[in-house]
Amino acid sequence: QDEPPQVVLYSDRSYKKFDQVFISYGPKSNADLLLLYGFALDRNPFNSVSVVFGANQQDPLYNEKKNFAESNGRQIANEAFPLYADRFPDEMLQYLRMLCMNK
């Protein structure tokens, strides 16, 4: 009746006595992990900030850049990329190179 709170875990396989059991918290940023579970990871692959870039409509090459971006599945006005503490996504660098092109 007045049972203490419990944590129940279900596994996808059987474990032997003293086997190490791992728990997945899922794809969460350090902010989520800290807020929900009280810890953060040094090298969390899901810890990123979204950065948005876009071309200036006054750019003389705007139409060419727009056509190129759209032919590669990108937007020209506002394209978002994840930014990590230890690396830049290749797709973001390629997009920025395209935005910086001039005659």
Protein backbone atom coordinates (compact mmCIF):
# COMPACT_ATOMS: atom_id res chain seq x y z
CA GLN A 1 0.00 0.00 0.00
CA ASP A 2 2.59 2.60 1.06
CA GLU A 3 5.39 1.17 -1.08
CA PRO A 4 8.46 3.35 -1.62
CA PRO A 5 8.98 4.72 -5.16
CA GLN A 6 10.65 2.24 -7.49
CA VAL A 7 12.62 2.28 -10.70
CA VAL A 8 11.81 -0.59 -13.07
CA LEU A 9 14.11 -1.45 -15.98
CA TYR A 10 13.27 -3.80 -18.82
CA SER A 11 16.03 -5.35 -20.91
CA ASP A 12 16.15 -6.64 -24.45
CA ARG A 13 18.06 -9.76 -23.35
CA SER A 14 18.94 -11.88 -20.32
CA TYR A 15 21.86 -10.94 -18.10
CA LYS A 16 24.05 -13.15 -15.95
CA LYS A 17 24.87 -12.27 -12.38
CA PHE A 18 27.50 -9.46 -12.30
CA ASP A 19 27.11 -8.63 -16.02
CA GLN A 20 27.39 -4.91 -16.65
CA VAL A 21 24.11 -3.32 -17.74
CA PHE A 22 24.09 -0.13 -19.83
CA ILE A 23 21.21 2.32 -19.93
CA SER A 24 20.63 4.54 -22.96
CA TYR A 25 19.31 8.01 -22.28
CA GLY A 26 18.71 8.53 -25.99
CA PRO A 27 19.91 11.41 -28.18
CA LYS A 28 19.96 14.23 -25.62
CA SER A 29 22.05 17.40 -25.38
CA ASN A 30 24.08 18.14 -22.26
CA ALA A 31 21.46 20.69 -21.23
CA ASP A 32 18.78 17.98 -21.33
CA LEU A 33 20.97 15.43 -19.53
CA LEU A 34 21.86 17.92 -16.81
CA LEU A 35 18.30 19.08 -16.31
CA LEU A 36 16.68 15.63 -16.42
CA TYR A 37 19.35 13.34 -14.93
CA GLY A 38 21.91 15.54 -13.16
CA PHE A 39 24.99 14.90 -15.30
CA ALA A 40 26.64 15.98 -18.58
CA LEU A 41 29.08 14.27 -20.96
CA ASP A 42 32.48 15.62 -22.04
CA ARG A 43 32.09 14.49 -25.66
CA ASN A 44 28.35 14.35 -26.26
CA PRO A 45 27.63 13.87 -29.99
CA PHE A 46 24.13 15.30 -29.46
CA ASN A 47 25.36 18.49 -27.80
CA SER A 48 25.01 21.11 -30.51
CA VAL A 49 23.65 24.54 -31.29
CA SER A 50 21.68 25.19 -34.45
CA VAL A 51 23.19 27.91 -36.64
CA VAL A 52 21.23 29.44 -39.53
CA PHE A 53 22.81 30.94 -42.65
CA GLY A 54 21.33 32.55 -45.73
CA ALA A 55 22.35 34.50 -48.82
CA ASN A 56 21.87 38.22 -49.24
CA GLN A 57 19.30 38.99 -51.94
CA GLN A 58 21.49 41.93 -53.02
CA ASP A 59 24.28 39.49 -53.95
CA PRO A 60 24.89 39.70 -57.73
CA LEU A 61 25.10 35.87 -57.80
CA TYR A 62 21.98 35.36 -55.69
CA ASN A 63 19.95 33.61 -58.42
CA GLU A 64 22.83 31.30 -59.36
CA LYS A 65 23.43 30.43 -55.70
CA LYS A 66 19.71 29.89 -55.15
CA ASN A 67 19.47 27.51 -58.12
CA PHE A 68 22.59 25.64 -57.00
CA ALA A 69 21.40 25.34 -53.38
CA GLU A 70 17.94 24.14 -54.40
CA SER A 71 19.38 21.60 -56.86
CA ASN A 72 21.28 20.15 -53.88
CA GLY A 73 18.28 20.04 -51.54
CA ARG A 74 19.21 23.19 -49.61
CA GLN A 75 17.46 26.50 -49.02
CA ILE A 76 19.11 29.77 -49.88
CA ALA A 77 17.25 32.05 -47.45
CA ASN A 78 17.72 30.17 -44.19
CA GLU A 79 19.54 26.87 -43.89
CA ALA A 80 20.21 25.47 -40.40
CA PHE A 81 23.22 23.37 -39.40
CA PRO A 82 24.21 21.82 -36.06
CA LEU A 83 27.35 23.38 -34.58
CA TYR A 84 29.39 21.19 -32.22
CA ALA A 85 32.07 22.24 -29.73
CA ASP A 86 34.76 20.09 -31.38
CA ARG A 87 33.94 20.13 -35.11
CA PHE A 88 32.13 21.82 -37.97
CA PRO A 89 29.85 19.73 -40.22
CA ASP A 90 31.24 19.34 -43.76
CA GLU A 91 27.84 20.29 -45.21
CA MET A 92 27.94 23.60 -43.35
CA LEU A 93 31.44 24.42 -44.63
CA GLN A 94 30.39 23.57 -48.20
CA TYR A 95 27.33 25.79 -47.86
CA LEU A 96 29.41 28.68 -46.51
CA ARG A 97 31.88 28.33 -49.39
CA MET A 98 28.97 28.61 -51.81
CA LEU A 99 27.64 31.71 -50.00
CA CYS A 100 31.09 33.38 -50.16
CA MET A 101 31.58 32.79 -53.90
CA ASN A 102 31.98 35.86 -56.06
CA LYS A 103 32.89 36.64 -59.66
